[in-house]
Amino acid sequence: MARVPRPRLPRRLDHGEEASLVEHLDELRQRLFFMLGAVAVGMVVCFVLHRRIIHYMDITLPPKHRHLTTLTVGEPFMTSIWVALYGGFLLALPIILWQIWSFFLPAFDKTTSRSRRGRSSASRRR
């Protein structure tokens, strides 16, 4: 039986390191797939819990407007899908922001990234 090689992760660039266009695109592709996977996992979690999410959104309405109206046959299903998609995006947002930051971090020099890290941690303390 032939052994299938495992896919390699793109090499992480350090400050001041240069890479070819193909290496940058490969890293971007890997990060995009990771972000899409995180959204997909979050979407599955939210689809499992979509009735509770819709219920919590429904109880925030005034009592007179709490009954949901559907105008077409597929609207309840599409509402569940949209709620799961938005919820999955919100659950995956920390991972998405981290991947974006990690992709652009090598473009900044070390002093700039340290000052940005200091500013972001100082903003959390308030």
PDB file of N, CA and C in Angstrom:
ATOM      1  N   MET A   1       0.847  -1.162   0.000  1.00  0.00           N
ATOM      2  CA  MET A   1       0.000   0.000   0.000  1.00  0.00           C
ATOM      3  C   MET A   1       0.901   1.235   0.000  1.00  0.00           C
ATOM      4  N   ALA A   2       0.643   2.120  -0.925  1.00  0.00           N
ATOM      5  CA  ALA A   2       1.456   3.329  -1.039  1.00  0.00           C
ATOM      6  C   ALA A   2       1.091   4.307   0.067  1.00  0.00           C
ATOM      7  N   ARG A   3       2.098   4.922   0.585  1.00  0.00           N
ATOM      8  CA  ARG A   3       1.891   5.882   1.660  1.00  0.00           C
ATOM      9  C   ARG A   3       1.600   7.259   1.065  1.00  0.00           C
ATOM     10  N   VAL A   4       0.498   7.859   1.497  1.00  0.00           N
ATOM     11  CA  VAL A   4       0.100   9.168   0.994  1.00  0.00           C
ATOM     12  C   VAL A   4       0.800  10.231   1.841  1.00  0.00           C
ATOM     13  N   PRO A   5       1.518  11.146   1.198  1.00  0.00           N
ATOM     14  CA  PRO A   5       2.193  12.181   1.993  1.00  0.00           C
ATOM     15  C   PRO A   5       1.187  13.139   2.614  1.00  0.00           C
ATOM     16  N   ARG A   6       1.493  13.548   3.851  1.00  0.00           N
ATOM     17  CA  ARG A   6       0.636  14.516   4.529  1.00  0.00           C
ATOM     18  C   ARG A   6       0.868  15.894   3.938  1.00  0.00           C
ATOM     19  N   PRO A   7      -0.186  16.693   3.852  1.00  0.00           N
ATOM     20  CA  PRO A   7       0.026  18.056   3.343  1.00  0.00           C
ATOM     21  C   PRO A   7       0.858  18.865   4.324  1.00  0.00           C
ATOM     22  N   ARG A   8       1.794  19.616   3.785  1.00  0.00           N
ATOM     23  CA  ARG A   8       2.651  20.432   4.624  1.00  0.00           C
ATOM     24  C   ARG A   8       1.998  21.779   4.864  1.00  0.00           C
ATOM     25  N   LEU A   9       2.160  22.276   6.070  1.00  0.00           N
ATOM     26  CA  LEU A   9       1.692  23.619   6.368  1.00  0.00           C
ATOM     27  C   LEU A   9       2.672  24.611   5.758  1.00  0.00           C
ATOM     28  N   PRO A  10       2.194  25.760   5.347  1.00  0.00           N
ATOM     29  CA  PRO A  10       3.128  26.746   4.792  1.00  0.00           C
ATOM     30  C   PRO A  10       4.083  27.231   5.871  1.00  0.00           C
ATOM     31  N   ARG A  11       5.292  27.540   5.466  1.00  0.00           N
ATOM     32  CA  ARG A  11       6.256  27.991   6.460  1.00  0.00           C
ATOM     33  C   ARG A  11       5.871  29.376   6.960  1.00  0.00           C
ATOM     34  N   ARG A  12       6.069  29.576   8.240  1.00  0.00           N
ATOM     35  CA  ARG A  12       5.752  30.863   8.852  1.00  0.00           C
ATOM     36  C   ARG A  12       6.887  31.826   8.585  1.00  0.00           C
ATOM     37  N   LEU A  13       6.537  33.004   8.142  1.00  0.00           N
ATOM     38  CA  LEU A  13       7.556  34.006   7.863  1.00  0.00           C
ATOM     39  C   LEU A  13       7.837  34.803   9.126  1.00  0.00           C
ATOM     40  N   ASP A  14       9.111  35.138   9.309  1.00  0.00           N
ATOM     41  CA  ASP A  14       9.514  35.982  10.425  1.00  0.00           C
ATOM     42  C   ASP A  14       9.670  37.401   9.900  1.00  0.00           C
ATOM     43  N   HIS A  15       9.869  38.343  10.792  1.00  0.00           N
ATOM     44  CA  HIS A  15      10.040  39.744  10.398  1.00  0.00           C
ATOM     45  C   HIS A  15      11.270  39.872   9.504  1.00  0.00           C
ATOM     46  N   GLY A  16      11.117  40.563   8.401  1.00  0.00           N
ATOM     47  CA  GLY A  16      12.229  40.801   7.493  1.00  0.00           C
ATOM     48  C   GLY A  16      12.508  39.667   6.535  1.00  0.00           C
ATOM     49  N   GLU A  17      11.845  38.536   6.676  1.00  0.00           N
ATOM     50  CA  GLU A  17      12.043  37.425   5.753  1.00  0.00           C
ATOM     51  C   GLU A  17      11.294  37.691   4.461  1.00  0.00           C
ATOM     52  N   GLU A  18      11.862  37.246   3.380  1.00  0.00           N
ATOM     53  CA  GLU A  18      11.210  37.425   2.090  1.00  0.00           C
ATOM     54  C   GLU A  18      10.710  36.084   1.590  1.00  0.00           C
ATOM     55  N   ALA A  19       9.639  36.139   0.817  1.00  0.00           N
ATOM     56  CA  ALA A  19       9.068  34.929   0.235  1.00  0.00           C
ATOM     57  C   ALA A  19       8.620  35.258  -1.176  1.00  0.00           C
ATOM     58  N   SER A  20       8.511  34.220  -1.970  1.00  0.00           N
ATOM     59  CA  SER A  20       8.057  34.428  -3.337  1.00  0.00           C
ATOM     60  C   SER A  20       6.540  34.618  -3.351  1.00  0.00           C
ATOM     61  N   LEU A  21       6.042  35.039  -4.491  1.00  0.00           N
ATOM     62  CA  LEU A  21       4.601  35.234  -4.634  1.00  0.00           C
ATOM     63  C   LEU A  21       3.850  33.927  -4.422  1.00  0.00           C
ATOM     64  N   VAL A  22       4.403  32.836  -4.903  1.00  0.00           N
ATOM     65  CA  VAL A  22       3.746  31.532  -4.757  1.00  0.00           C
ATOM     66  C   VAL A  22       3.672  31.131  -3.288  1.00  0.00           C
ATOM     67  N   GLU A  23       4.730  31.412  -2.521  1.00  0.00           N
ATOM     68  CA  GLU A  23       4.701  31.088  -1.089  1.00  0.00           C
ATOM     69  C   GLU A  23       3.670  31.933  -0.355  1.00  0.00           C
ATOM     70  N   HIS A  24       3.553  33.202  -0.716  1.00  0.00           N
ATOM     71  CA  HIS A  24       2.535  34.061  -0.106  1.00  0.00           C
ATOM     72  C   HIS A  24       1.133  33.562  -0.452  1.00  0.00           C
ATOM     73  N   LEU A  25       0.913  33.205  -1.681  1.00  0.00           N
ATOM     74  CA  LEU A  25      -0.415  32.707  -2.088  1.00  0.00           C
ATOM     75  C   LEU A  25      -0.732  31.368  -1.437  1.00  0.00           C
ATOM     76  N   ASP A  26       0.292  30.533  -1.256  1.00  0.00           N
ATOM     77  CA  ASP A  26       0.071  29.249  -0.595  1.00  0.00           C
ATOM     78  C   ASP A  26      -0.316  29.461   0.873  1.00  0.00           C
ATOM     79  N   GLU A  27       0.376  30.384   1.541  1.00  0.00           N
ATOM     80  CA  GLU A  27       0.028  30.685   2.932  1.00  0.00           C
ATOM     81  C   GLU A  27      -1.377  31.273   3.033  1.00  0.00           C
ATOM     82  N   LEU A  28      -1.719  32.177   2.112  1.00  0.00           N
ATOM     83  CA  LEU A  28      -3.052  32.778   2.116  1.00  0.00           C
ATOM     84  C   LEU A  28      -4.131  31.716   1.887  1.00  0.00           C
ATOM     85  N   ARG A  29      -3.861  30.798   0.959  1.00  0.00           N
ATOM     86  CA  ARG A  29      -4.823  29.734   0.677  1.00  0.00           C
ATOM     87  C   ARG A  29      -5.035  28.851   1.905  1.00  0.00           C
ATOM     88  N   GLN A  30      -3.951  28.497   2.581  1.00  0.00           N
ATOM     89  CA  GLN A  30      -4.069  27.672   3.781  1.00  0.00           C
ATOM     90  C   GLN A  30      -4.867  28.390   4.867  1.00  0.00           C
ATOM     91  N   ARG A  31      -4.603  29.665   5.034  1.00  0.00           N
ATOM     92  CA  ARG A  31      -5.321  30.426   6.067  1.00  0.00           C
ATOM     93  C   ARG A  31      -6.799  30.591   5.715  1.00  0.00           C
ATOM     94  N   LEU A  32      -7.101  30.791   4.426  1.00  0.00           N
ATOM     95  CA  LEU A  32      -8.506  30.905   4.004  1.00  0.00           C
ATOM     96  C   LEU A  32      -9.261  29.605   4.244  1.00  0.00           C
ATOM     97  N   PHE A  33      -8.623  28.465   3.943  1.00  0.00           N
ATOM     98  CA  PHE A  33      -9.276  27.184   4.200  1.00  0.00           C
ATOM     99  C   PHE A  33      -9.495  26.966   5.695  1.00  0.00           C
ATOM    100  N   PHE A  34      -8.544  27.395   6.500  1.00  0.00           N
ATOM    101  CA  PHE A  34      -8.697  27.266   7.952  1.00  0.00           C
ATOM    102  C   PHE A  34      -9.855  28.127   8.444  1.00  0.00           C
ATOM    103  N   MET A  35      -9.970  29.357   7.908  1.00  0.00           N
ATOM    104  CA  MET A  35     -11.072  30.240   8.308  1.00  0.00           C
ATOM    105  C   MET A  35     -12.419  29.672   7.852  1.00  0.00           C
ATOM    106  N   LEU A  36     -12.475  29.145   6.624  1.00  0.00           N
ATOM    107  CA  LEU A  36     -13.729  28.554   6.146  1.00  0.00           C
ATOM    108  C   LEU A  36     -14.113  27.330   6.966  1.00  0.00           C
ATOM    109  N   GLY A  37     -13.124  26.553   7.379  1.00  0.00           N
ATOM    110  CA  GLY A  37     -13.400  25.405   8.244  1.00  0.00           C
ATOM    111  C   GLY A  37     -13.953  25.838   9.589  1.00  0.00           C
ATOM    112  N   ALA A  38     -13.408  26.926  10.130  1.00  0.00           N
ATOM    113  CA  ALA A  38     -13.905  27.430  11.413  1.00  0.00           C
ATOM    114  C   ALA A  38     -15.343  27.923  11.274  1.00  0.00           C
ATOM    115  N   VAL A  39     -15.652  28.602  10.162  1.00  0.00           N
ATOM    116  CA  VAL A  39     -17.027  29.062   9.929  1.00  0.00           C
ATOM    117  C   VAL A  39     -17.956  27.862   9.758  1.00  0.00           C
ATOM    118  N   ALA A  40     -17.488  26.823   9.061  1.00  0.00           N
ATOM    119  CA  ALA A  40     -18.323  25.638   8.854  1.00  0.00           C
ATOM    120  C   ALA A  40     -18.624  24.934  10.181  1.00  0.00           C
ATOM    121  N   VAL A  41     -17.628  24.809  11.030  1.00  0.00           N
ATOM    122  CA  VAL A  41     -17.853  24.180  12.341  1.00  0.00           C
ATOM    123  C   VAL A  41     -18.817  25.024  13.170  1.00  0.00           C
ATOM    124  N   GLY A  42     -18.614  26.332  13.171  1.00  0.00           N
ATOM    125  CA  GLY A  42     -19.529  27.214  13.894  1.00  0.00           C
ATOM    126  C   GLY A  42     -20.934  27.161  13.332  1.00  0.00           C
ATOM    127  N   MET A  43     -21.040  27.029  12.016  1.00  0.00           N
ATOM    128  CA  MET A  43     -22.366  26.955  11.391  1.00  0.00           C
ATOM    129  C   MET A  43     -23.086  25.662  11.786  1.00  0.00           C
ATOM    130  N   VAL A  44     -22.357  24.557  11.862  1.00  0.00           N
ATOM    131  CA  VAL A  44     -22.974  23.291  12.288  1.00  0.00           C
ATOM    132  C   VAL A  44     -23.460  23.402  13.726  1.00  0.00           C
ATOM    133  N   VAL A  45     -22.638  23.997  14.585  1.00  0.00           N
ATOM    134  CA  VAL A  45     -23.043  24.168  15.991  1.00  0.00           C
ATOM    135  C   VAL A  45     -24.297  25.033  16.074  1.00  0.00           C
ATOM    136  N   CYS A  46     -24.320  26.127  15.324  1.00  0.00           N
ATOM    137  CA  CYS A  46     -25.483  27.018  15.372  1.00  0.00           C
ATOM    138  C   CYS A  46     -26.706  26.401  14.705  1.00  0.00           C
ATOM    139  N   PHE A  47     -26.504  25.542  13.705  1.00  0.00           N
ATOM    140  CA  PHE A  47     -27.666  24.898  13.098  1.00  0.00           C
ATOM    141  C   PHE A  47     -28.292  23.899  14.067  1.00  0.00           C
ATOM    142  N   VAL A  48     -27.459  23.237  14.848  1.00  0.00           N
ATOM    143  CA  VAL A  48     -27.999  22.316  15.860  1.00  0.00           C
ATOM    144  C   VAL A  48     -28.817  23.086  16.897  1.00  0.00           C
ATOM    145  N   LEU A  49     -28.378  24.301  17.210  1.00  0.00           N
ATOM    146  CA  LEU A  49     -29.048  25.115  18.229  1.00  0.00           C
ATOM    147  C   LEU A  49     -29.937  26.207  17.637  1.00  0.00           C
ATOM    148  N   HIS A  50     -30.316  26.100  16.365  1.00  0.00           N
ATOM    149  CA  HIS A  50     -31.021  27.212  15.721  1.00  0.00           C
ATOM    150  C   HIS A  50     -32.391  27.494  16.341  1.00  0.00           C
ATOM    151  N   ARG A  51     -33.071  26.491  16.856  1.00  0.00           N
ATOM    152  CA  ARG A  51     -34.380  26.752  17.476  1.00  0.00           C
ATOM    153  C   ARG A  51     -34.232  27.613  18.729  1.00  0.00           C
ATOM    154  N   ARG A  52     -33.202  27.318  19.525  1.00  0.00           N
ATOM    155  CA  ARG A  52     -32.968  28.137  20.719  1.00  0.00           C
ATOM    156  C   ARG A  52     -32.566  29.555  20.349  1.00  0.00           C
ATOM    157  N   ILE A  53     -31.710  29.680  19.336  1.00  0.00           N
ATOM    158  CA  ILE A  53     -31.252  31.015  18.921  1.00  0.00           C
ATOM    159  C   ILE A  53     -32.428  31.842  18.420  1.00  0.00           C
ATOM    160  N   ILE A  54     -33.274  31.230  17.597  1.00  0.00           N
ATOM    161  CA  ILE A  54     -34.453  31.946  17.087  1.00  0.00           C
ATOM    162  C   ILE A  54     -35.398  32.290  18.240  1.00  0.00           C
ATOM    163  N   HIS A  55     -35.533  31.377  19.200  1.00  0.00           N
ATOM    164  CA  HIS A  55     -36.396  31.655  20.358  1.00  0.00           C
ATOM    165  C   HIS A  55     -35.861  32.845  21.158  1.00  0.00           C
ATOM    166  N   TYR A  56     -34.548  32.885  21.401  1.00  0.00           N
ATOM    167  CA  TYR A  56     -33.967  34.015  22.151  1.00  0.00           C
ATOM    168  C   TYR A  56     -34.090  35.319  21.383  1.00  0.00           C
ATOM    169  N   MET A  57     -34.011  35.259  20.062  1.00  0.00           N
ATOM    170  CA  MET A  57     -34.214  36.473  19.274  1.00  0.00           C
ATOM    171  C   MET A  57     -35.691  36.864  19.280  1.00  0.00           C
ATOM    172  N   ASP A  58     -36.561  35.878  19.353  1.00  0.00           N
ATOM    173  CA  ASP A  58     -38.000  36.138  19.333  1.00  0.00           C
ATOM    174  C   ASP A  58     -38.482  36.782  20.634  1.00  0.00           C
ATOM    175  N   ILE A  59     -37.916  36.378  21.779  1.00  0.00           N
ATOM    176  CA  ILE A  59     -38.409  36.925  23.051  1.00  0.00           C
ATOM    177  C   ILE A  59     -37.942  38.358  23.275  1.00  0.00           C
ATOM    178  N   THR A  60     -37.025  38.848  22.468  1.00  0.00           N
ATOM    179  CA  THR A  60     -36.616  40.249  22.596  1.00  0.00           C
ATOM    180  C   THR A  60     -37.603  41.187  21.904  1.00  0.00           C
ATOM    181  N   LEU A  61     -38.489  40.630  21.098  1.00  0.00           N
ATOM    182  CA  LEU A  61     -39.504  41.455  20.425  1.00  0.00           C
ATOM    183  C   LEU A  61     -40.603  41.849  21.408  1.00  0.00           C
ATOM    184  N   PRO A  62     -41.344  42.912  21.096  1.00  0.00           N
ATOM    185  CA  PRO A  62     -42.493  43.249  21.944  1.00  0.00           C
ATOM    186  C   PRO A  62     -43.518  42.105  21.924  1.00  0.00           C
ATOM    187  N   PRO A  63     -44.269  41.922  23.009  1.00  0.00           N
ATOM    188  CA  PRO A  63     -45.199  40.787  23.086  1.00  0.00           C
ATOM    189  C   PRO A  63     -46.211  40.742  21.935  1.00  0.00           C
ATOM    190  N   LYS A  64     -46.559  41.877  21.400  1.00  0.00           N
ATOM    191  CA  LYS A  64     -47.557  41.911  20.333  1.00  0.00           C
ATOM    192  C   LYS A  64     -46.998  41.370  19.004  1.00  0.00           C
ATOM    193  N   HIS A  65     -45.669  41.377  18.843  1.00  0.00           N
ATOM    194  CA  HIS A  65     -45.049  40.982  17.572  1.00  0.00           C
ATOM    195  C   HIS A  65     -44.233  39.701  17.688  1.00  0.00           C
ATOM    196  N   ARG A  66     -44.528  38.861  18.642  1.00  0.00           N
ATOM    197  CA  ARG A  66     -43.698  37.669  18.871  1.00  0.00           C
ATOM    198  C   ARG A  66     -44.032  36.487  17.981  1.00  0.00           C
ATOM    199  N   HIS A  67     -45.062  36.515  17.211  1.00  0.00           N
ATOM    200  CA  HIS A  67     -45.348  35.391  16.324  1.00  0.00           C
ATOM    201  C   HIS A  67     -44.632  35.619  14.992  1.00  0.00           C
ATOM    202  N   LEU A  68     -43.903  34.591  14.544  1.00  0.00           N
ATOM    203  CA  LEU A  68     -43.147  34.695  13.305  1.00  0.00           C
ATOM    204  C   LEU A  68     -44.047  34.337  12.126  1.00  0.00           C
ATOM    205  N   THR A  69     -43.941  35.091  11.060  1.00  0.00           N
ATOM    206  CA  THR A  69     -44.753  34.865   9.872  1.00  0.00           C
ATOM    207  C   THR A  69     -43.854  34.431   8.733  1.00  0.00           C
ATOM    208  N   THR A  70     -44.240  33.361   8.050  1.00  0.00           N
ATOM    209  CA  THR A  70     -43.508  32.933   6.860  1.00  0.00           C
ATOM    210  C   THR A  70     -44.423  33.100   5.653  1.00  0.00           C
ATOM    211  N   LEU A  71     -43.853  33.572   4.573  1.00  0.00           N
ATOM    212  CA  LEU A  71     -44.651  33.845   3.384  1.00  0.00           C
ATOM    213  C   LEU A  71     -44.475  32.803   2.288  1.00  0.00           C
ATOM    214  N   THR A  72     -43.404  32.024   2.347  1.00  0.00           N
ATOM    215  CA  THR A  72     -43.192  30.976   1.344  1.00  0.00           C
ATOM    216  C   THR A  72     -42.916  29.656   2.052  1.00  0.00           C
ATOM    217  N   VAL A  73     -42.894  28.586   1.278  1.00  0.00           N
ATOM    218  CA  VAL A  73     -42.707  27.254   1.841  1.00  0.00           C
ATOM    219  C   VAL A  73     -41.284  27.076   2.382  1.00  0.00           C
ATOM    220  N   GLY A  74     -40.292  27.599   1.689  1.00  0.00           N
ATOM    221  CA  GLY A  74     -38.900  27.387   2.087  1.00  0.00           C
ATOM    222  C   GLY A  74     -38.354  28.385   3.073  1.00  0.00           C
ATOM    223  N   GLU A  75     -39.148  29.362   3.445  1.00  0.00           N
ATOM    224  CA  GLU A  75     -38.646  30.422   4.308  1.00  0.00           C
ATOM    225  C   GLU A  75     -38.220  29.947   5.699  1.00  0.00           C
ATOM    226  N   PRO A  76     -38.935  29.028   6.360  1.00  0.00           N
ATOM    227  CA  PRO A  76     -38.451  28.576   7.672  1.00  0.00           C
ATOM    228  C   PRO A  76     -37.077  27.902   7.593  1.00  0.00           C
ATOM    229  N   PHE A  77     -36.873  27.100   6.544  1.00  0.00           N
ATOM    230  CA  PHE A  77     -35.578  26.447   6.392  1.00  0.00           C
ATOM    231  C   PHE A  77     -34.484  27.466   6.094  1.00  0.00           C
ATOM    232  N   MET A  78     -34.751  28.414   5.220  1.00  0.00           N
ATOM    233  CA  MET A  78     -33.746  29.419   4.881  1.00  0.00           C
ATOM    234  C   MET A  78     -33.438  30.318   6.081  1.00  0.00           C
ATOM    235  N   THR A  79     -34.449  30.585   6.902  1.00  0.00           N
ATOM    236  CA  THR A  79     -34.205  31.357   8.116  1.00  0.00           C
ATOM    237  C   THR A  79     -33.260  30.600   9.039  1.00  0.00           C
ATOM    238  N   SER A  80     -33.461  29.294   9.162  1.00  0.00           N
ATOM    239  CA  SER A  80     -32.568  28.480   9.984  1.00  0.00           C
ATOM    240  C   SER A  80     -31.149  28.486   9.430  1.00  0.00           C
ATOM    241  N   ILE A  81     -31.019  28.408   8.107  1.00  0.00           N
ATOM    242  CA  ILE A  81     -29.694  28.420   7.474  1.00  0.00           C
ATOM    243  C   ILE A  81     -29.013  29.769   7.695  1.00  0.00           C
ATOM    244  N   TRP A  82     -29.750  30.873   7.520  1.00  0.00           N
ATOM    245  CA  TRP A  82     -29.157  32.201   7.701  1.00  0.00           C
ATOM    246  C   TRP A  82     -28.747  32.442   9.145  1.00  0.00           C
ATOM    247  N   VAL A  83     -29.570  32.001  10.082  1.00  0.00           N
ATOM    248  CA  VAL A  83     -29.225  32.139  11.499  1.00  0.00           C
ATOM    249  C   VAL A  83     -27.963  31.330  11.799  1.00  0.00           C
ATOM    250  N   ALA A  84     -27.878  30.121  11.245  1.00  0.00           N
ATOM    251  CA  ALA A  84     -26.693  29.290  11.465  1.00  0.00           C
ATOM    252  C   ALA A  84     -25.457  29.910  10.815  1.00  0.00           C
ATOM    253  N   LEU A  85     -25.613  30.510   9.637  1.00  0.00           N
ATOM    254  CA  LEU A  85     -24.473  31.127   8.957  1.00  0.00           C
ATOM    255  C   LEU A  85     -23.957  32.336   9.728  1.00  0.00           C
ATOM    256  N   TYR A  86     -24.850  33.228  10.124  1.00  0.00           N
ATOM    257  CA  TYR A  86     -24.423  34.404  10.887  1.00  0.00           C
ATOM    258  C   TYR A  86     -23.851  34.001  12.249  1.00  0.00           C
ATOM    259  N   GLY A  87     -24.478  33.056  12.903  1.00  0.00           N
ATOM    260  CA  GLY A  87     -23.962  32.588  14.188  1.00  0.00           C
ATOM    261  C   GLY A  87     -22.612  31.904  14.046  1.00  0.00           C
ATOM    262  N   GLY A  88     -22.450  31.112  12.980  1.00  0.00           N
ATOM    263  CA  GLY A  88     -21.164  30.463  12.734  1.00  0.00           C
ATOM    264  C   GLY A  88     -20.071  31.467  12.460  1.00  0.00           C
ATOM    265  N   PHE A  89     -20.415  32.533  11.735  1.00  0.00           N
ATOM    266  CA  PHE A  89     -19.430  33.593  11.488  1.00  0.00           C
ATOM    267  C   PHE A  89     -19.049  34.281  12.791  1.00  0.00           C
ATOM    268  N   LEU A  90     -20.036  34.547  13.641  1.00  0.00           N
ATOM    269  CA  LEU A  90     -19.729  35.190  14.925  1.00  0.00           C
ATOM    270  C   LEU A  90     -18.895  34.285  15.828  1.00  0.00           C
ATOM    271  N   LEU A  91     -19.173  32.984  15.812  1.00  0.00           N
ATOM    272  CA  LEU A  91     -18.369  32.068  16.619  1.00  0.00           C
ATOM    273  C   LEU A  91     -16.939  31.964  16.086  1.00  0.00           C
ATOM    274  N   ALA A  92     -16.784  32.042  14.767  1.00  0.00           N
ATOM    275  CA  ALA A  92     -15.460  31.898  14.158  1.00  0.00           C
ATOM    276  C   ALA A  92     -14.708  33.220  14.049  1.00  0.00           C
ATOM    277  N   LEU A  93     -15.329  34.329  14.422  1.00  0.00           N
ATOM    278  CA  LEU A  93     -14.698  35.640  14.254  1.00  0.00           C
ATOM    279  C   LEU A  93     -13.348  35.775  14.964  1.00  0.00           C
ATOM    280  N   PRO A  94     -13.163  35.272  16.187  1.00  0.00           N
ATOM    281  CA  PRO A  94     -11.818  35.359  16.779  1.00  0.00           C
ATOM    282  C   PRO A  94     -10.765  34.613  15.962  1.00  0.00           C
ATOM    283  N   ILE A  95     -11.116  33.458  15.422  1.00  0.00           N
ATOM    284  CA  ILE A  95     -10.171  32.697  14.599  1.00  0.00           C
ATOM    285  C   ILE A  95      -9.891  33.438  13.302  1.00  0.00           C
ATOM    286  N   ILE A  96     -10.921  34.015  12.703  1.00  0.00           N
ATOM    287  CA  ILE A  96     -10.740  34.762  11.450  1.00  0.00           C
ATOM    288  C   ILE A  96      -9.824  35.952  11.674  1.00  0.00           C
ATOM    289  N   LEU A  97     -10.072  36.714  12.723  1.00  0.00           N
ATOM    290  CA  LEU A  97      -9.231  37.882  13.003  1.00  0.00           C
ATOM    291  C   LEU A  97      -7.796  37.470  13.315  1.00  0.00           C
ATOM    292  N   TRP A  98      -7.625  36.365  14.032  1.00  0.00           N
ATOM    293  CA  TRP A  98      -6.280  35.893  14.339  1.00  0.00           C
ATOM    294  C   TRP A  98      -5.546  35.477  13.063  1.00  0.00           C
ATOM    295  N   GLN A  99      -6.223  34.796  12.160  1.00  0.00           N
ATOM    296  CA  GLN A  99      -5.585  34.374  10.910  1.00  0.00           C
ATOM    297  C   GLN A  99      -5.219  35.572  10.043  1.00  0.00           C
ATOM    298  N   ILE A 100      -6.076  36.563   9.998  1.00  0.00           N
ATOM    299  CA  ILE A 100      -5.768  37.778   9.228  1.00  0.00           C
ATOM    300  C   ILE A 100      -4.566  38.480   9.837  1.00  0.00           C
ATOM    301  N   TRP A 101      -4.553  38.605  11.158  1.00  0.00           N
ATOM    302  CA  TRP A 101      -3.435  39.263  11.831  1.00  0.00           C
ATOM    303  C   TRP A 101      -2.139  38.480  11.607  1.00  0.00           C
ATOM    304  N   SER A 102      -2.196  37.154  11.689  1.00  0.00           N
ATOM    305  CA  SER A 102      -0.999  36.345  11.493  1.00  0.00           C
ATOM    306  C   SER A 102      -0.478  36.421  10.065  1.00  0.00           C
ATOM    307  N   PHE A 103      -1.363  36.624   9.106  1.00  0.00           N
ATOM    308  CA  PHE A 103      -0.925  36.741   7.721  1.00  0.00           C
ATOM    309  C   PHE A 103      -0.212  38.066   7.480  1.00  0.00           C
ATOM    310  N   PHE A 104      -0.717  39.148   8.064  1.00  0.00           N
ATOM    311  CA  PHE A 104      -0.129  40.466   7.826  1.00  0.00           C
ATOM    312  C   PHE A 104       1.002  40.805   8.795  1.00  0.00           C
ATOM    313  N   LEU A 105       1.166  40.074   9.869  1.00  0.00           N
ATOM    314  CA  LEU A 105       2.173  40.396  10.876  1.00  0.00           C
ATOM    315  C   LEU A 105       3.600  40.470  10.326  1.00  0.00           C
ATOM    316  N   PRO A 106       4.053  39.562   9.454  1.00  0.00           N
ATOM    317  CA  PRO A 106       5.421  39.676   8.945  1.00  0.00           C
ATOM    318  C   PRO A 106       5.670  40.944   8.123  1.00  0.00           C
ATOM    319  N   ALA A 107       4.650  41.615   7.664  1.00  0.00           N
ATOM    320  CA  ALA A 107       4.840  42.835   6.877  1.00  0.00           C
ATOM    321  C   ALA A 107       5.298  44.001   7.743  1.00  0.00           C
ATOM    322  N   PHE A 108       5.026  43.936   9.052  1.00  0.00           N
ATOM    323  CA  PHE A 108       5.430  45.000   9.958  1.00  0.00           C
ATOM    324  C   PHE A 108       6.786  44.664  10.561  1.00  0.00           C
ATOM    325  N   ASP A 109       7.574  45.681  10.876  1.00  0.00           N
ATOM    326  CA  ASP A 109       8.829  45.402  11.558  1.00  0.00           C
ATOM    327  C   ASP A 109       8.545  45.112  13.028  1.00  0.00           C
ATOM    328  N   LYS A 110       9.566  44.611  13.739  1.00  0.00           N
ATOM    329  CA  LYS A 110       9.337  44.154  15.120  1.00  0.00           C
ATOM    330  C   LYS A 110       8.887  45.269  16.051  1.00  0.00           C
ATOM    331  N   THR A 111       9.432  46.463  15.886  1.00  0.00           N
ATOM    332  CA  THR A 111       9.049  47.547  16.799  1.00  0.00           C
ATOM    333  C   THR A 111       7.600  47.952  16.591  1.00  0.00           C
ATOM    334  N   THR A 112       7.150  47.956  15.340  1.00  0.00           N
ATOM    335  CA  THR A 112       5.759  48.299  15.060  1.00  0.00           C
ATOM    336  C   THR A 112       4.812  47.240  15.620  1.00  0.00           C
ATOM    337  N   SER A 113       5.154  45.968  15.440  1.00  0.00           N
ATOM    338  CA  SER A 113       4.272  44.916  15.950  1.00  0.00           C
ATOM    339  C   SER A 113       4.250  44.907  17.471  1.00  0.00           C
ATOM    340  N   ARG A 114       5.383  45.227  18.111  1.00  0.00           N
ATOM    341  CA  ARG A 114       5.387  45.292  19.575  1.00  0.00           C
ATOM    342  C   ARG A 114       4.516  46.436  20.071  1.00  0.00           C
ATOM    343  N   SER A 115       4.606  47.586  19.391  1.00  0.00           N
ATOM    344  CA  SER A 115       3.780  48.712  19.833  1.00  0.00           C
ATOM    345  C   SER A 115       2.306  48.441  19.578  1.00  0.00           C
ATOM    346  N   ARG A 116       1.985  47.771  18.478  1.00  0.00           N
ATOM    347  CA  ARG A 116       0.587  47.412  18.219  1.00  0.00           C
ATOM    348  C   ARG A 116       0.081  46.413  19.244  1.00  0.00           C
ATOM    349  N   ARG A 117       0.929  45.466  19.622  1.00  0.00           N
ATOM    350  CA  ARG A 117       0.544  44.491  20.637  1.00  0.00           C
ATOM    351  C   ARG A 117       0.322  45.197  21.973  1.00  0.00           C
ATOM    352  N   GLY A 118       1.169  46.178  22.291  1.00  0.00           N
ATOM    353  CA  GLY A 118       1.011  46.934  23.524  1.00  0.00           C
ATOM    354  C   GLY A 118      -0.263  47.747  23.528  1.00  0.00           C
ATOM    355  N   ARG A 119      -0.562  48.359  22.393  1.00  0.00           N
ATOM    356  CA  ARG A 119      -1.804  49.145  22.306  1.00  0.00           C
ATOM    357  C   ARG A 119      -3.029  48.256  22.432  1.00  0.00           C
ATOM    358  N   SER A 120      -2.992  47.088  21.809  1.00  0.00           N
ATOM    359  CA  SER A 120      -4.170  46.226  21.871  1.00  0.00           C
ATOM    360  C   SER A 120      -4.363  45.664  23.279  1.00  0.00           C
ATOM    361  N   SER A 121      -3.275  45.339  23.977  1.00  0.00           N
ATOM    362  CA  SER A 121      -3.443  44.836  25.341  1.00  0.00           C
ATOM    363  C   SER A 121      -3.828  45.973  26.293  1.00  0.00           C
ATOM    364  N   ALA A 122      -3.367  47.206  26.013  1.00  0.00           N
ATOM    365  CA  ALA A 122      -3.762  48.344  26.850  1.00  0.00           C
ATOM    366  C   ALA A 122      -5.236  48.667  26.667  1.00  0.00           C
ATOM    367  N   SER A 123      -5.757  48.451  25.477  1.00  0.00           N
ATOM    368  CA  SER A 123      -7.169  48.744  25.245  1.00  0.00           C
ATOM    369  C   SER A 123      -8.068  47.729  25.955  1.00  0.00           C
ATOM    370  N   ARG A 124      -7.568  46.532  26.223  1.00  0.00           N
ATOM    371  CA  ARG A 124      -8.362  45.535  26.928  1.00  0.00           C
ATOM    372  C   ARG A 124      -8.440  45.828  28.422  1.00  0.00           C
ATOM    373  N   ARG A 125      -7.481  46.538  28.962  1.00  0.00           N
ATOM    374  CA  ARG A 125      -7.440  46.789  30.402  1.00  0.00           C
ATOM    375  C   ARG A 125      -8.489  47.792  30.842  1.00  0.00           C
ATOM    376  N   ARG A 126      -8.947  48.625  29.971  1.00  0.00           N
ATOM    377  CA  ARG A 126      -9.892  49.689  30.358  1.00  0.00           C
ATOM    378  C   ARG A 126     -11.251  49.184  30.602  1.00  0.00           C
TER     379      ARG A 126
END
